[in-house]
Amino acid sequence: MVKLSEEIKAYEIMESVLKADHPGKWVIIHEKKLIGAYDEFEKAADVAVQKFGSGPYLIRQVGSKPIMLPASLLYRPVANHA
């Protein structure tokens, strides 16, 4: 299993290409590979959770500084009860 630190390093290696191809998008990095680029964090998080469960994986907005969240924070999508 790839560690989160390795996912961050993979993002840093591909960052210049991501900035050219996906500026401002939310990207998922898993097992050192780009999984997808999304307009909204929520969409990226939904896809990541569906595909990879609790991870590890990295979701980052291309071109933005990384946001540090507590390790205890887990994204949990809220069901639409409309």
Protein backbone atom coordinates (compact mmCIF):
# COMPACT_ATOMS: atom_id res chain seq x y z
CA MET A 1 0.00 0.00 0.00
CA VAL A 2 1.27 3.45 -0.95
CA LYS A 3 1.60 5.94 1.92
CA LEU A 4 0.00 9.38 1.77
CA SER A 5 3.47 10.96 1.74
CA GLU A 6 4.15 9.08 -1.50
CA GLU A 7 0.88 10.37 -3.01
CA ILE A 8 1.94 13.92 -2.13
CA LYS A 9 5.35 13.38 -3.73
CA ALA A 10 3.66 12.00 -6.89
CA TYR A 11 1.47 15.13 -7.04
CA GLU A 12 4.53 17.35 -6.69
CA ILE A 13 6.27 15.52 -9.55
CA MET A 14 3.27 15.94 -11.89
CA GLU A 15 2.25 19.40 -10.65
CA SER A 16 3.53 21.38 -13.65
CA VAL A 17 1.59 19.14 -16.06
CA LEU A 18 -1.50 19.33 -13.86
CA LYS A 19 -1.30 23.14 -13.79
CA ALA A 20 -1.19 23.19 -17.61
CA ASP A 21 -3.91 20.58 -18.14
CA HIS A 22 -6.22 20.99 -15.12
CA PRO A 23 -5.80 24.47 -13.56
CA GLY A 24 -8.08 24.96 -10.57
CA LYS A 25 -9.51 21.44 -10.74
CA TRP A 26 -9.65 19.02 -7.83
CA VAL A 27 -7.52 15.98 -8.62
CA ILE A 28 -7.35 12.54 -7.06
CA ILE A 29 -3.96 10.86 -6.80
CA HIS A 30 -3.98 7.16 -5.87
CA GLU A 31 -1.05 4.75 -6.02
CA LYS A 32 1.02 7.59 -7.52
CA LYS A 33 -1.35 7.97 -10.51
CA LEU A 34 -3.80 10.66 -11.54
CA ILE A 35 -7.27 9.15 -11.21
CA GLY A 36 -9.32 12.13 -12.35
CA ALA A 37 -9.85 15.90 -12.30
CA TYR A 38 -13.11 17.45 -11.08
CA ASP A 39 -14.67 20.90 -10.86
CA GLU A 40 -15.81 20.43 -7.26
CA PHE A 41 -14.19 18.94 -4.18
CA GLU A 42 -17.38 17.08 -3.31
CA LYS A 43 -17.38 15.22 -6.64
CA ALA A 44 -13.70 14.28 -6.26
CA ALA A 45 -14.34 13.10 -2.70
CA ASP A 46 -17.38 11.05 -3.74
CA VAL A 47 -15.40 9.30 -6.49
CA ALA A 48 -12.40 8.68 -4.21
CA VAL A 49 -14.54 7.17 -1.44
CA GLN A 50 -16.48 4.99 -3.89
CA LYS A 51 -13.32 3.68 -5.56
CA PHE A 52 -10.84 3.54 -2.68
CA GLY A 53 -12.78 3.61 0.58
CA SER A 54 -10.79 5.15 3.38
CA GLY A 55 -7.63 5.44 1.28
CA PRO A 56 -4.99 6.49 1.34
CA TYR A 57 -5.44 8.86 -1.58
CA LEU A 58 -4.78 12.53 -2.12
CA ILE A 59 -7.33 15.11 -3.19
CA ARG A 60 -5.85 18.49 -3.99
CA GLN A 61 -6.89 21.58 -5.91
CA VAL A 62 -4.36 22.20 -8.66
CA GLY A 63 -2.52 25.47 -8.12
CA SER A 64 -3.69 26.00 -4.54
CA LYS A 65 -1.65 25.61 -1.40
CA PRO A 66 -2.30 22.33 0.43
CA ILE A 67 -4.85 22.40 3.24
CA MET A 68 -3.86 20.57 6.39
CA LEU A 69 -6.75 18.75 8.05
CA PRO A 70 -6.75 16.68 11.23
CA ALA A 71 -6.12 12.99 10.63
CA SER A 72 -9.41 12.24 12.36
CA LEU A 73 -11.42 14.07 9.67
CA LEU A 74 -13.18 11.72 7.29
CA TYR A 75 -15.25 12.86 4.34
CA ARG A 76 -18.74 11.42 4.61
CA PRO A 77 -21.13 12.31 1.80
CA VAL A 78 -24.62 13.26 2.91
CA ALA A 79 -27.43 11.44 1.14
CA ASN A 80 -29.83 13.61 -0.81
CA HIS A 81 -33.21 13.25 0.86
CA ALA A 82 -35.12 15.43 -1.62
